[in-house]
Amino acid sequence: MHSLAHRLMRRGLRRGLVEGSVAWLVIGAAAGVVRYVTRPEPPLVARENLRLGESVLVTHVPASGDRPRRRRHENGAGDLPGSS
């Protein structure tokens, strides 16, 4: 249903705006509304009530497969041959 609405929205807006077809423009707009209304809600990860004086610290921990990226100039990879 979602992909059908997406295709109708794209085709309707393209034919409606580019080719000037009012019927396709209405179809595209209606498909856009259907797509917007039927979109899934993002999952709730956590909810916590804080009392007076409490705070939350949000940090990012890289996944185990991630490794830090090295900059080009650290190992000379961006240097041209013969330049010093």
N, C-alpha and C. Protein backbone atom coordinates (compact mmCIF):
# COMPACT_ATOMS: atom_id res chain seq x y z
N MET A 1 0.83 -1.20 0.00
CA MET A 1 0.00 0.00 0.00
C MET A 1 0.87 1.25 0.00
N HIS A 2 1.94 1.20 0.80
CA HIS A 2 2.79 2.37 0.92
C HIS A 2 3.53 2.65 -0.39
N SER A 3 4.03 1.59 -1.04
CA SER A 3 4.76 1.80 -2.29
C SER A 3 3.81 2.20 -3.42
N LEU A 4 2.59 1.69 -3.39
CA LEU A 4 1.60 2.09 -4.39
C LEU A 4 1.27 3.58 -4.24
N ALA A 5 1.09 4.03 -3.02
CA ALA A 5 0.82 5.45 -2.78
C ALA A 5 2.01 6.29 -3.22
N HIS A 6 3.21 5.79 -2.99
CA HIS A 6 4.41 6.52 -3.40
C HIS A 6 4.48 6.66 -4.92
N ARG A 7 4.20 5.56 -5.63
CA ARG A 7 4.23 5.61 -7.09
C ARG A 7 3.14 6.54 -7.64
N LEU A 8 1.94 6.45 -7.07
CA LEU A 8 0.86 7.33 -7.53
C LEU A 8 1.17 8.79 -7.23
N MET A 9 1.77 9.05 -6.08
CA MET A 9 2.13 10.42 -5.73
C MET A 9 3.15 10.98 -6.72
N ARG A 10 4.19 10.21 -6.99
CA ARG A 10 5.22 10.69 -7.93
C ARG A 10 4.67 10.89 -9.33
N ARG A 11 3.91 9.88 -9.81
CA ARG A 11 3.36 9.98 -11.16
C ARG A 11 2.35 11.11 -11.26
N GLY A 12 1.51 11.24 -10.24
CA GLY A 12 0.50 12.29 -10.25
C GLY A 12 1.09 13.68 -10.21
N LEU A 13 2.10 13.87 -9.36
CA LEU A 13 2.71 15.19 -9.28
C LEU A 13 3.51 15.50 -10.55
N ARG A 14 4.17 14.49 -11.11
CA ARG A 14 4.93 14.72 -12.33
C ARG A 14 3.99 15.08 -13.49
N ARG A 15 2.95 14.25 -13.68
CA ARG A 15 2.04 14.53 -14.79
C ARG A 15 1.18 15.76 -14.53
N GLY A 16 0.89 16.01 -13.27
CA GLY A 16 0.08 17.18 -12.96
C GLY A 16 0.83 18.49 -13.10
N LEU A 17 2.05 18.52 -12.60
CA LEU A 17 2.81 19.77 -12.66
C LEU A 17 3.50 19.97 -14.00
N VAL A 18 4.09 18.92 -14.55
CA VAL A 18 4.85 19.06 -15.80
C VAL A 18 3.92 19.08 -17.00
N GLU A 19 2.98 18.14 -17.06
CA GLU A 19 2.10 18.04 -18.22
C GLU A 19 0.82 18.86 -18.08
N GLY A 20 0.53 19.34 -16.88
CA GLY A 20 -0.63 20.19 -16.68
C GLY A 20 -1.95 19.47 -16.51
N SER A 21 -1.93 18.21 -16.13
CA SER A 21 -3.16 17.45 -15.95
C SER A 21 -3.68 17.65 -14.52
N VAL A 22 -4.85 18.26 -14.41
CA VAL A 22 -5.43 18.52 -13.10
C VAL A 22 -5.84 17.22 -12.41
N ALA A 23 -6.35 16.26 -13.17
CA ALA A 23 -6.77 14.99 -12.60
C ALA A 23 -5.59 14.27 -11.96
N TRP A 24 -4.45 14.21 -12.65
CA TRP A 24 -3.27 13.56 -12.09
C TRP A 24 -2.72 14.33 -10.90
N LEU A 25 -2.84 15.64 -10.91
CA LEU A 25 -2.39 16.44 -9.77
C LEU A 25 -3.22 16.11 -8.53
N VAL A 26 -4.53 15.95 -8.71
CA VAL A 26 -5.41 15.58 -7.59
C VAL A 26 -5.08 14.18 -7.10
N ILE A 27 -4.83 13.24 -8.03
CA ILE A 27 -4.46 11.88 -7.64
C ILE A 27 -3.15 11.89 -6.86
N GLY A 28 -2.17 12.65 -7.33
CA GLY A 28 -0.88 12.73 -6.65
C GLY A 28 -1.00 13.33 -5.26
N ALA A 29 -1.80 14.38 -5.13
CA ALA A 29 -1.99 15.01 -3.82
C ALA A 29 -2.72 14.06 -2.87
N ALA A 30 -3.74 13.36 -3.36
CA ALA A 30 -4.47 12.42 -2.51
C ALA A 30 -3.56 11.27 -2.08
N ALA A 31 -2.73 10.77 -2.98
CA ALA A 31 -1.79 9.70 -2.62
C ALA A 31 -0.78 10.20 -1.59
N GLY A 32 -0.36 11.44 -1.69
CA GLY A 32 0.55 12.01 -0.70
C GLY A 32 -0.10 12.09 0.67
N VAL A 33 -1.38 12.47 0.71
CA VAL A 33 -2.09 12.53 1.99
C VAL A 33 -2.24 11.13 2.58
N VAL A 34 -2.58 10.15 1.75
CA VAL A 34 -2.71 8.76 2.22
C VAL A 34 -1.37 8.27 2.76
N ARG A 35 -0.31 8.58 2.07
CA ARG A 35 1.02 8.15 2.52
C ARG A 35 1.40 8.80 3.84
N TYR A 36 1.06 10.08 3.99
CA TYR A 36 1.37 10.80 5.23
C TYR A 36 0.57 10.25 6.41
N VAL A 37 -0.70 9.96 6.18
CA VAL A 37 -1.58 9.49 7.26
C VAL A 37 -1.24 8.07 7.69
N THR A 38 -0.81 7.22 6.75
CA THR A 38 -0.57 5.82 7.07
C THR A 38 0.88 5.51 7.41
N ARG A 39 1.71 6.54 7.56
CA ARG A 39 3.12 6.26 7.88
C ARG A 39 3.24 5.65 9.28
N PRO A 40 4.18 4.74 9.46
CA PRO A 40 4.33 4.09 10.76
C PRO A 40 4.96 5.04 11.78
N GLU A 41 4.59 4.85 13.04
CA GLU A 41 5.19 5.65 14.10
C GLU A 41 6.59 5.13 14.41
N PRO A 42 7.53 6.01 14.71
CA PRO A 42 8.85 5.52 15.10
C PRO A 42 8.76 4.80 16.44
N PRO A 43 9.57 3.77 16.64
CA PRO A 43 9.48 3.01 17.89
C PRO A 43 9.94 3.84 19.09
N LEU A 44 9.26 3.64 20.20
CA LEU A 44 9.63 4.31 21.43
C LEU A 44 10.75 3.52 22.07
N VAL A 45 11.89 4.14 22.28
CA VAL A 45 13.05 3.44 22.82
C VAL A 45 13.01 3.44 24.34
N ALA A 46 12.79 4.59 24.93
CA ALA A 46 12.77 4.66 26.39
C ALA A 46 11.97 5.88 26.84
N ARG A 47 11.38 5.75 28.00
CA ARG A 47 10.66 6.86 28.60
C ARG A 47 10.92 6.80 30.09
N GLU A 48 11.31 7.91 30.66
CA GLU A 48 11.64 7.95 32.08
C GLU A 48 11.19 9.29 32.65
N ASN A 49 10.55 9.26 33.78
CA ASN A 49 10.18 10.50 34.47
C ASN A 49 11.33 10.91 35.38
N LEU A 50 11.71 12.17 35.27
CA LEU A 50 12.79 12.69 36.11
C LEU A 50 12.21 13.49 37.27
N ARG A 51 12.84 13.32 38.40
CA ARG A 51 12.44 14.13 39.56
C ARG A 51 13.29 15.39 39.59
N LEU A 52 12.90 16.30 40.40
CA LEU A 52 13.59 17.57 40.54
C LEU A 52 15.06 17.32 40.89
N GLY A 53 15.97 17.91 40.12
CA GLY A 53 17.40 17.76 40.37
C GLY A 53 18.04 16.64 39.58
N GLU A 54 17.28 15.74 38.97
CA GLU A 54 17.84 14.67 38.17
C GLU A 54 18.09 15.16 36.75
N SER A 55 19.03 14.51 36.06
CA SER A 55 19.34 14.89 34.68
C SER A 55 19.65 13.64 33.86
N VAL A 56 19.75 13.83 32.56
CA VAL A 56 20.04 12.74 31.64
C VAL A 56 21.26 13.11 30.82
N LEU A 57 22.18 12.16 30.64
CA LEU A 57 23.35 12.34 29.81
C LEU A 57 23.23 11.39 28.62
N VAL A 58 23.23 11.93 27.41
CA VAL A 58 23.11 11.12 26.20
C VAL A 58 24.47 11.09 25.53
N THR A 59 24.98 9.87 25.27
CA THR A 59 26.28 9.72 24.61
C THR A 59 26.13 8.78 23.42
N HIS A 60 27.10 8.83 22.53
CA HIS A 60 27.11 7.95 21.37
C HIS A 60 28.27 6.99 21.53
N VAL A 61 27.99 5.71 21.50
CA VAL A 61 29.02 4.68 21.57
C VAL A 61 29.07 4.00 20.21
N PRO A 62 30.20 4.07 19.51
CA PRO A 62 30.27 3.45 18.18
C PRO A 62 30.08 1.94 18.27
N ALA A 63 29.52 1.38 17.22
CA ALA A 63 29.34 -0.07 17.16
C ALA A 63 30.70 -0.75 17.15
N SER A 64 30.73 -2.03 17.49
CA SER A 64 32.01 -2.74 17.62
C SER A 64 32.77 -2.81 16.30
N GLY A 65 32.08 -2.79 15.17
CA GLY A 65 32.74 -2.87 13.87
C GLY A 65 33.28 -1.53 13.40
N ASP A 66 32.87 -0.43 14.02
CA ASP A 66 33.34 0.89 13.61
C ASP A 66 34.76 1.10 14.09
N ARG A 67 35.55 1.71 13.25
CA ARG A 67 36.90 2.06 13.67
C ARG A 67 37.10 3.54 13.36
N PRO A 68 37.89 4.21 14.14
CA PRO A 68 38.09 5.64 13.89
C PRO A 68 38.76 5.87 12.53
N ARG A 69 38.33 6.90 11.85
CA ARG A 69 38.89 7.21 10.55
C ARG A 69 40.13 8.07 10.73
N ARG A 70 41.13 7.80 9.89
CA ARG A 70 42.35 8.58 9.95
C ARG A 70 42.26 9.71 8.94
N ARG A 71 42.82 10.83 9.27
CA ARG A 71 42.84 11.94 8.34
C ARG A 71 43.94 11.73 7.32
N ARG A 72 43.75 12.28 6.15
CA ARG A 72 44.73 12.08 5.08
C ARG A 72 46.10 12.63 5.43
N HIS A 73 46.14 13.80 6.04
CA HIS A 73 47.43 14.45 6.26
C HIS A 73 48.24 13.79 7.37
N GLU A 74 47.65 12.90 8.16
CA GLU A 74 48.39 12.25 9.23
C GLU A 74 49.43 11.28 8.70
N ASN A 75 49.11 10.60 7.61
CA ASN A 75 50.06 9.62 7.09
C ASN A 75 50.67 10.04 5.76
N GLY A 76 50.41 11.25 5.33
CA GLY A 76 50.98 11.75 4.09
C GLY A 76 50.31 11.25 2.83
N ALA A 77 49.13 10.62 2.94
CA ALA A 77 48.47 10.05 1.78
C ALA A 77 48.00 11.13 0.81
N GLY A 78 47.76 12.35 1.29
CA GLY A 78 47.27 13.40 0.43
C GLY A 78 48.38 14.20 -0.22
N ASP A 79 49.64 13.91 0.09
CA ASP A 79 50.77 14.65 -0.45
C ASP A 79 51.06 14.20 -1.88
N LEU A 80 51.51 15.14 -2.68
CA LEU A 80 51.91 14.82 -4.05
C LEU A 80 53.33 14.29 -4.05
N PRO A 81 53.65 13.41 -4.97
CA PRO A 81 55.03 12.90 -5.03
C PRO A 81 56.00 14.03 -5.34
N GLY A 82 57.10 14.05 -4.63
CA GLY A 82 58.13 15.07 -4.87
C GLY A 82 57.90 16.36 -4.10
N SER A 83 56.77 16.51 -3.40
CA SER A 83 56.54 17.74 -2.62
C SER A 83 56.96 17.50 -1.20
N SER A 84 57.60 18.48 -0.62
CA SER A 84 58.04 18.33 0.77
C SER A 84 57.67 19.56 1.55
